[in-house]
Structure formats: structure tokens, C-alpha cells
Amino acid sequence: MDNSKSQVVGQSKISWLINKTNEDWINLAISNPMEILLDHAHCERKAAGVALQLMFRYVSEPGLSEVLSPLAREELEHFERVLSILNARGEKLKKLASPPYGAILAKNIRKDEPLRMLDSFLVAGLIEARSHERMQLLSIHSPDIELSNLYADLLKSEARHFGIYWKLADERFERNDLTSRLQELARVESDALVNMHDKPRMHS
């Protein structure tokens, strides 16, 4: 990749999210650390599932499994790490009511290929980008040292993950189509968070 293209990719990563998380979410999350941690475990589990789903859906797509298989494995490693902390604190994995965030984004994935592939990469990347932003906030604001360190340790991986989804899309689609659709989905992502879910969640 030449320097000019690399610079554009970097700018795209930075501008994935339209709006920043507000203080209301930070306060809710900090006041409910175990519920956020439990939801975080589910998020890591779901992220692994998304990578596997895409790998099997596009089984013949060159170079895709080689990227998504280690990504899914790393997401499961994160899930196991969060689960270990939960168990050490006397909490078990259990179901949580999900906010509408994920369903809203999924609903906006187009059905026809190859547009479905493009949207799937971008939606997965947007979710990773929001996770990165919120983990960074938790690493800064959490008064719990163990949890603060956990979120700080995972930041680099989250940044790499949404970079992976950007690269998968960038290698397969025209840049103008890619950036235009990213802007549309980023607005959907931002709007999905306007009315905050009444329960503390990573993506409420």
C-alpha cells in the first residue's frame, strides 16, 4: 500500500464514529461494573460468532478465512479472560436483555451480494470501533484497578479488529463506494445510541 492510501485508511479509522459517548453512559457504566463486565463477556462471544459466521458464509472468498479465523480465536480468548474475572468475583455467565443497538445495525445490512458483504464488514467494524471507544473510557474512569487494567489491555486488540474489517472491505470494494456507505452506516450507529437503554450495557 502506498503512503497516500495508508494515510486515507488511517483517517477513515479515526472518523468511524460520528458522535462520542456521553457522560450519562460513563456514569451508568461506572456505577454498574459487574453488569457491564457481564455484558462485555457476551460482546466478546458475539464478536467471535460474527467472525466465524462471515468465514463460513464466504468460505470461497480468497484470504478471508486466514484473517477471520485468528480474529475469532482472539475474541474467544478475550471472552475467556472476562469470564475468568466474573467467576473469580462470584458471578456466572447468564442471559442479559440486549439493547436494540445490534439489531438496528443488522437490519441495515443489505440483502444482495456483494453489498451484503460490504455492509457486514462495515457494521462489524463500527461495533468494534464503539467497543474501543468505550473500553478506553472505562480504562480511564473505572475506580476498580483490575477492571481498569483489563480494558486498557484490550484497547490495542479492539483497534486492530476494526482495522481488520476496514482492510477486508478496502481490498474488495471501490474506495468511493466504501467511504460513502461507511458514512451512512455510521449515522445509523450513532442514531442507535441516541435513546440510551435503561440497563447498563457496552452498547446501550
C-alpha atoms as a PDB file:
ATOM      1  CA  MET A   1       0.000   0.000   0.000  1.00  0.00           C
ATOM      2  CA  ASP A   2       1.402   3.401  -0.931  1.00  0.00           C
ATOM      3  CA  ASN A   3       1.739   6.205   1.612  1.00  0.00           C
ATOM      4  CA  SER A   4      -1.224   8.211   0.298  1.00  0.00           C
ATOM      5  CA  LYS A   5      -3.585   5.235   0.573  1.00  0.00           C
ATOM      6  CA  SER A   6      -2.242   4.364   4.022  1.00  0.00           C
ATOM      7  CA  GLN A   7      -2.980   7.905   5.173  1.00  0.00           C
ATOM      8  CA  VAL A   8      -6.557   7.716   3.929  1.00  0.00           C
ATOM      9  CA  VAL A   9      -7.082   4.400   5.713  1.00  0.00           C
ATOM     10  CA  GLY A  10      -5.809   5.937   8.924  1.00  0.00           C
ATOM     11  CA  GLN A  11      -8.168   8.868   8.563  1.00  0.00           C
ATOM     12  CA  SER A  12     -11.076   6.503   7.932  1.00  0.00           C
ATOM     13  CA  LYS A  13     -10.315   4.603  11.135  1.00  0.00           C
ATOM     14  CA  ILE A  14     -10.304   7.793  13.157  1.00  0.00           C
ATOM     15  CA  SER A  15     -13.602   9.025  11.732  1.00  0.00           C
ATOM     16  CA  TRP A  16     -15.597   5.786  12.005  1.00  0.00           C
ATOM     17  CA  LEU A  17     -17.759   7.121  14.840  1.00  0.00           C
ATOM     18  CA  ILE A  18     -19.857  10.236  14.307  1.00  0.00           C
ATOM     19  CA  ASN A  19     -20.646  11.013  17.955  1.00  0.00           C
ATOM     20  CA  LYS A  20     -18.718  10.447  21.139  1.00  0.00           C
ATOM     21  CA  THR A  21     -20.172   8.613  24.111  1.00  0.00           C
ATOM     22  CA  ASN A  22     -21.779  10.985  26.605  1.00  0.00           C
ATOM     23  CA  GLU A  23     -21.213  11.283  30.342  1.00  0.00           C
ATOM     24  CA  ASP A  24     -24.548   9.655  31.165  1.00  0.00           C
ATOM     25  CA  TRP A  25     -23.290   6.362  29.781  1.00  0.00           C
ATOM     26  CA  ILE A  26     -19.973   6.676  31.610  1.00  0.00           C
ATOM     27  CA  ASN A  27     -21.749   7.296  34.921  1.00  0.00           C
ATOM     28  CA  LEU A  28     -24.152   4.395  34.371  1.00  0.00           C
ATOM     29  CA  ALA A  29     -21.322   2.038  33.422  1.00  0.00           C
ATOM     30  CA  ILE A  30     -19.086   3.015  36.328  1.00  0.00           C
ATOM     31  CA  SER A  31     -21.995   2.604  38.761  1.00  0.00           C
ATOM     32  CA  ASN A  32     -22.682  -0.950  37.493  1.00  0.00           C
ATOM     33  CA  PRO A  33     -19.271  -2.546  36.921  1.00  0.00           C
ATOM     34  CA  MET A  34     -20.346  -6.183  37.183  1.00  0.00           C
ATOM     35  CA  GLU A  35     -23.283  -5.828  34.820  1.00  0.00           C
ATOM     36  CA  ILE A  36     -21.057  -4.068  32.280  1.00  0.00           C
ATOM     37  CA  LEU A  37     -18.468  -6.820  32.706  1.00  0.00           C
ATOM     38  CA  LEU A  38     -21.104  -9.490  32.154  1.00  0.00           C
ATOM     39  CA  ASP A  39     -22.342  -7.708  29.042  1.00  0.00           C
ATOM     40  CA  HIS A  40     -18.739  -7.364  27.888  1.00  0.00           C
ATOM     41  CA  ALA A  41     -18.387 -11.142  28.061  1.00  0.00           C
ATOM     42  CA  HIS A  42     -21.424 -11.509  25.815  1.00  0.00           C
ATOM     43  CA  CYS A  43     -19.994  -8.910  23.407  1.00  0.00           C
ATOM     44  CA  GLU A  44     -16.742 -10.849  23.058  1.00  0.00           C
ATOM     45  CA  ARG A  45     -18.688 -14.072  22.496  1.00  0.00           C
ATOM     46  CA  LYS A  46     -20.856 -12.436  19.846  1.00  0.00           C
ATOM     47  CA  ALA A  47     -17.830 -10.873  18.136  1.00  0.00           C
ATOM     48  CA  ALA A  48     -16.259 -14.311  17.792  1.00  0.00           C
ATOM     49  CA  GLY A  49     -19.537 -15.577  16.350  1.00  0.00           C
ATOM     50  CA  VAL A  50     -19.652 -12.775  13.769  1.00  0.00           C
ATOM     51  CA  ALA A  51     -16.138 -13.572  12.552  1.00  0.00           C
ATOM     52  CA  LEU A  52     -16.986 -17.270  12.250  1.00  0.00           C
ATOM     53  CA  GLN A  53     -20.288 -16.541  10.530  1.00  0.00           C
ATOM     54  CA  LEU A  54     -18.573 -14.429   7.893  1.00  0.00           C
ATOM     55  CA  MET A  55     -15.836 -17.021   7.442  1.00  0.00           C
ATOM     56  CA  PHE A  56     -18.375 -19.759   6.742  1.00  0.00           C
ATOM     57  CA  ARG A  57     -20.722 -17.595   4.678  1.00  0.00           C
ATOM     58  CA  TYR A  58     -17.892 -16.615   2.330  1.00  0.00           C
ATOM     59  CA  VAL A  59     -15.948 -19.845   2.516  1.00  0.00           C
ATOM     60  CA  SER A  60     -14.632 -19.478  -1.051  1.00  0.00           C
ATOM     61  CA  GLU A  61     -13.539 -15.849  -0.666  1.00  0.00           C
ATOM     62  CA  PRO A  62      -9.719 -15.754  -1.063  1.00  0.00           C
ATOM     63  CA  GLY A  63      -7.818 -14.685   2.036  1.00  0.00           C
ATOM     64  CA  LEU A  64     -10.873 -14.298   4.257  1.00  0.00           C
ATOM     65  CA  SER A  65     -10.569 -17.376   6.480  1.00  0.00           C
ATOM     66  CA  GLU A  66      -6.885 -16.664   7.022  1.00  0.00           C
ATOM     67  CA  VAL A  67      -7.846 -13.340   8.605  1.00  0.00           C
ATOM     68  CA  LEU A  68     -11.110 -14.178  10.345  1.00  0.00           C
ATOM     69  CA  SER A  69     -10.071 -17.448  11.985  1.00  0.00           C
ATOM     70  CA  PRO A  70      -7.372 -15.857  14.193  1.00  0.00           C
ATOM     71  CA  LEU A  71      -9.701 -12.921  14.825  1.00  0.00           C
ATOM     72  CA  ALA A  72     -12.413 -15.263  16.139  1.00  0.00           C
ATOM     73  CA  ARG A  73      -9.841 -17.070  18.264  1.00  0.00           C
ATOM     74  CA  GLU A  74      -8.656 -13.806  19.820  1.00  0.00           C
ATOM     75  CA  GLU A  75     -12.230 -12.745  20.561  1.00  0.00           C
ATOM     76  CA  LEU A  76     -12.776 -16.051  22.370  1.00  0.00           C
ATOM     77  CA  GLU A  77      -9.568 -15.518  24.339  1.00  0.00           C
ATOM     78  CA  HIS A  78     -10.954 -12.160  25.451  1.00  0.00           C
ATOM     79  CA  PHE A  79     -14.259 -13.830  26.342  1.00  0.00           C
ATOM     80  CA  GLU A  80     -12.421 -16.376  28.482  1.00  0.00           C
ATOM     81  CA  ARG A  81     -10.443 -13.644  30.216  1.00  0.00           C
ATOM     82  CA  VAL A  82     -13.579 -11.686  31.097  1.00  0.00           C
ATOM     83  CA  LEU A  83     -15.349 -14.871  32.154  1.00  0.00           C
ATOM     84  CA  SER A  84     -12.448 -15.726  34.463  1.00  0.00           C
ATOM     85  CA  ILE A  85     -12.757 -12.358  36.228  1.00  0.00           C
ATOM     86  CA  LEU A  86     -16.505 -12.811  36.553  1.00  0.00           C
ATOM     87  CA  ASN A  87     -16.077 -16.265  38.076  1.00  0.00           C
ATOM     88  CA  ALA A  88     -13.376 -15.039  40.462  1.00  0.00           C
ATOM     89  CA  ARG A  89     -15.858 -12.452  41.716  1.00  0.00           C
ATOM     90  CA  GLY A  90     -18.612 -14.991  42.266  1.00  0.00           C
ATOM     91  CA  GLU A  91     -20.576 -14.188  39.093  1.00  0.00           C
ATOM     92  CA  LYS A  92     -21.624 -16.709  36.452  1.00  0.00           C
ATOM     93  CA  LEU A  93     -22.422 -16.152  32.803  1.00  0.00           C
ATOM     94  CA  LYS A  94     -26.137 -15.575  32.344  1.00  0.00           C
ATOM     95  CA  LYS A  95     -28.510 -14.051  29.839  1.00  0.00           C
ATOM     96  CA  LEU A  96     -28.978 -10.303  29.697  1.00  0.00           C
ATOM     97  CA  ALA A  97     -31.636  -8.299  27.931  1.00  0.00           C
ATOM     98  CA  SER A  98     -29.964  -6.852  24.849  1.00  0.00           C
ATOM     99  CA  PRO A  99     -30.242  -3.210  23.816  1.00  0.00           C
ATOM    100  CA  PRO A 100     -31.614  -2.598  20.292  1.00  0.00           C
ATOM    101  CA  TYR A 101     -28.183  -1.440  19.039  1.00  0.00           C
ATOM    102  CA  GLY A 102     -27.072  -4.661  17.350  1.00  0.00           C
ATOM    103  CA  ALA A 103     -30.479  -5.405  15.840  1.00  0.00           C
ATOM    104  CA  ILE A 104     -30.718  -1.904  14.365  1.00  0.00           C
ATOM    105  CA  LEU A 105     -27.340  -2.245  12.688  1.00  0.00           C
ATOM    106  CA  ALA A 106     -28.100  -5.751  11.422  1.00  0.00           C
ATOM    107  CA  LYS A 107     -31.383  -4.544   9.940  1.00  0.00           C
ATOM    108  CA  ASN A 108     -29.445  -2.063   7.800  1.00  0.00           C
ATOM    109  CA  ILE A 109     -27.254  -4.707   6.183  1.00  0.00           C
ATOM    110  CA  ARG A 110     -28.398  -5.051   2.595  1.00  0.00           C
ATOM    111  CA  LYS A 111     -29.509  -8.481   1.402  1.00  0.00           C
ATOM    112  CA  ASP A 112     -27.999  -8.729  -2.081  1.00  0.00           C
ATOM    113  CA  GLU A 113     -24.373  -9.641  -2.677  1.00  0.00           C
ATOM    114  CA  PRO A 114     -21.795  -8.208  -2.836  1.00  0.00           C
ATOM    115  CA  LEU A 115     -23.449  -5.347  -0.937  1.00  0.00           C
ATOM    116  CA  ARG A 116     -24.223  -7.693   1.927  1.00  0.00           C
ATOM    117  CA  MET A 117     -20.530  -8.483   2.290  1.00  0.00           C
ATOM    118  CA  LEU A 118     -19.567  -4.805   2.286  1.00  0.00           C
ATOM    119  CA  ASP A 119     -22.194  -3.886   4.883  1.00  0.00           C
ATOM    120  CA  SER A 120     -21.292  -6.864   7.059  1.00  0.00           C
ATOM    121  CA  PHE A 121     -17.651  -5.780   7.197  1.00  0.00           C
ATOM    122  CA  LEU A 122     -18.565  -2.171   7.946  1.00  0.00           C
ATOM    123  CA  VAL A 123     -21.128  -2.982  10.627  1.00  0.00           C
ATOM    124  CA  ALA A 124     -18.694  -5.332  12.356  1.00  0.00           C
ATOM    125  CA  GLY A 125     -16.049  -2.618  12.174  1.00  0.00           C
ATOM    126  CA  LEU A 126     -18.366   0.033  13.600  1.00  0.00           C
ATOM    127  CA  ILE A 127     -19.213  -2.179  16.557  1.00  0.00           C
ATOM    128  CA  GLU A 128     -15.508  -2.787  17.187  1.00  0.00           C
ATOM    129  CA  ALA A 129     -14.842   0.943  16.932  1.00  0.00           C
ATOM    130  CA  ARG A 130     -17.532   1.725  19.507  1.00  0.00           C
ATOM    131  CA  SER A 131     -16.210  -1.020  21.775  1.00  0.00           C
ATOM    132  CA  HIS A 132     -12.744   0.508  21.523  1.00  0.00           C
ATOM    133  CA  GLU A 133     -14.043   3.949  22.430  1.00  0.00           C
ATOM    134  CA  ARG A 134     -15.998   2.699  25.426  1.00  0.00           C
ATOM    135  CA  MET A 135     -13.255   0.439  26.732  1.00  0.00           C
ATOM    136  CA  GLN A 136     -10.944   3.418  26.632  1.00  0.00           C
ATOM    137  CA  LEU A 137     -13.452   5.409  28.702  1.00  0.00           C
ATOM    138  CA  LEU A 138     -13.764   2.547  31.180  1.00  0.00           C
ATOM    139  CA  SER A 139      -9.995   2.204  31.450  1.00  0.00           C
ATOM    140  CA  ILE A 140      -9.785   5.902  32.339  1.00  0.00           C
ATOM    141  CA  HIS A 141     -12.789   6.281  34.631  1.00  0.00           C
ATOM    142  CA  SER A 142     -13.189   2.935  36.377  1.00  0.00           C
ATOM    143  CA  PRO A 143     -12.164   3.119  40.047  1.00  0.00           C
ATOM    144  CA  ASP A 144     -11.658  -0.669  40.025  1.00  0.00           C
ATOM    145  CA  ILE A 145      -7.966  -1.206  39.239  1.00  0.00           C
ATOM    146  CA  GLU A 146      -8.401  -4.745  37.921  1.00  0.00           C
ATOM    147  CA  LEU A 147     -11.163  -3.700  35.548  1.00  0.00           C
ATOM    148  CA  SER A 148      -9.360  -0.534  34.504  1.00  0.00           C
ATOM    149  CA  ASN A 149      -6.311  -2.628  33.607  1.00  0.00           C
ATOM    150  CA  LEU A 150      -8.454  -5.158  31.754  1.00  0.00           C
ATOM    151  CA  TYR A 151      -9.998  -2.540  29.495  1.00  0.00           C
ATOM    152  CA  ALA A 152      -6.647  -0.840  28.931  1.00  0.00           C
ATOM    153  CA  ASP A 153      -5.062  -4.166  27.926  1.00  0.00           C
ATOM    154  CA  LEU A 154      -7.789  -4.877  25.379  1.00  0.00           C
ATOM    155  CA  LEU A 155      -7.639  -1.486  23.650  1.00  0.00           C
ATOM    156  CA  LYS A 156      -4.921  -2.358  21.152  1.00  0.00           C
ATOM    157  CA  SER A 157      -6.759  -5.515  20.095  1.00  0.00           C
ATOM    158  CA  GLU A 158     -10.030  -3.649  19.589  1.00  0.00           C
ATOM    159  CA  ALA A 159      -8.305  -1.035  17.429  1.00  0.00           C
ATOM    160  CA  ARG A 160      -6.705  -3.786  15.359  1.00  0.00           C
ATOM    161  CA  HIS A 161     -10.029  -5.575  14.957  1.00  0.00           C
ATOM    162  CA  PHE A 162     -11.906  -2.667  13.412  1.00  0.00           C
ATOM    163  CA  GLY A 163      -8.820  -2.048  11.275  1.00  0.00           C
ATOM    164  CA  ILE A 164      -9.094  -5.628  10.021  1.00  0.00           C
ATOM    165  CA  TYR A 165     -12.684  -5.152   8.944  1.00  0.00           C
ATOM    166  CA  TRP A 166     -11.777  -1.902   7.195  1.00  0.00           C
ATOM    167  CA  LYS A 167      -8.968  -3.649   5.299  1.00  0.00           C
ATOM    168  CA  LEU A 168     -11.215  -6.551   4.282  1.00  0.00           C
ATOM    169  CA  ALA A 169     -13.658  -4.069   2.776  1.00  0.00           C
ATOM    170  CA  ASP A 170     -10.958  -1.855   1.278  1.00  0.00           C
ATOM    171  CA  GLU A 171      -9.376  -4.792  -0.552  1.00  0.00           C
ATOM    172  CA  ARG A 172     -12.657  -5.772  -2.194  1.00  0.00           C
ATOM    173  CA  PHE A 173     -14.606  -2.599  -2.906  1.00  0.00           C
ATOM    174  CA  GLU A 174     -14.057   0.766  -4.560  1.00  0.00           C
ATOM    175  CA  ARG A 175     -12.948   3.420  -2.103  1.00  0.00           C
ATOM    176  CA  ASN A 176     -15.731   5.875  -3.021  1.00  0.00           C
ATOM    177  CA  ASP A 177     -18.417   3.226  -2.520  1.00  0.00           C
ATOM    178  CA  LEU A 178     -16.784   2.141   0.696  1.00  0.00           C
ATOM    179  CA  THR A 179     -16.500   5.560   2.319  1.00  0.00           C
ATOM    180  CA  SER A 180     -19.969   6.619   1.198  1.00  0.00           C
ATOM    181  CA  ARG A 181     -21.574   3.537   2.712  1.00  0.00           C
ATOM    182  CA  LEU A 182     -19.473   3.856   5.854  1.00  0.00           C
ATOM    183  CA  GLN A 183     -20.834   7.364   6.409  1.00  0.00           C
ATOM    184  CA  GLU A 184     -24.399   6.092   6.047  1.00  0.00           C
ATOM    185  CA  LEU A 185     -23.915   3.222   8.478  1.00  0.00           C
ATOM    186  CA  ALA A 186     -22.005   5.403  10.931  1.00  0.00           C
ATOM    187  CA  ARG A 187     -25.071   7.642  11.124  1.00  0.00           C
ATOM    188  CA  VAL A 188     -27.251   4.594  11.793  1.00  0.00           C
ATOM    189  CA  GLU A 189     -24.809   3.504  14.522  1.00  0.00           C
ATOM    190  CA  SER A 190     -24.846   6.923  16.144  1.00  0.00           C
ATOM    191  CA  ASP A 191     -28.645   7.223  15.996  1.00  0.00           C
ATOM    192  CA  ALA A 192     -28.995   3.777  17.592  1.00  0.00           C
ATOM    193  CA  LEU A 193     -27.390   5.184  20.747  1.00  0.00           C
ATOM    194  CA  VAL A 194     -29.468   8.384  20.991  1.00  0.00           C
ATOM    195  CA  ASN A 195     -32.059   6.861  23.330  1.00  0.00           C
ATOM    196  CA  MET A 196     -29.935   5.102  25.900  1.00  0.00           C
ATOM    197  CA  HIS A 197     -31.045   1.643  27.005  1.00  0.00           C
ATOM    198  CA  ASP A 198     -32.343   1.632  30.573  1.00  0.00           C
ATOM    199  CA  LYS A 199     -29.847  -1.053  31.608  1.00  0.00           C
ATOM    200  CA  PRO A 200     -26.044  -0.682  31.681  1.00  0.00           C
ATOM    201  CA  ARG A 201     -24.626  -2.254  28.537  1.00  0.00           C
ATOM    202  CA  MET A 202     -21.446  -1.822  26.484  1.00  0.00           C
ATOM    203  CA  HIS A 203     -23.582  -0.619  23.583  1.00  0.00           C
ATOM    204  CA  SER A 204     -26.538   0.989  25.346  1.00  0.00           C
END
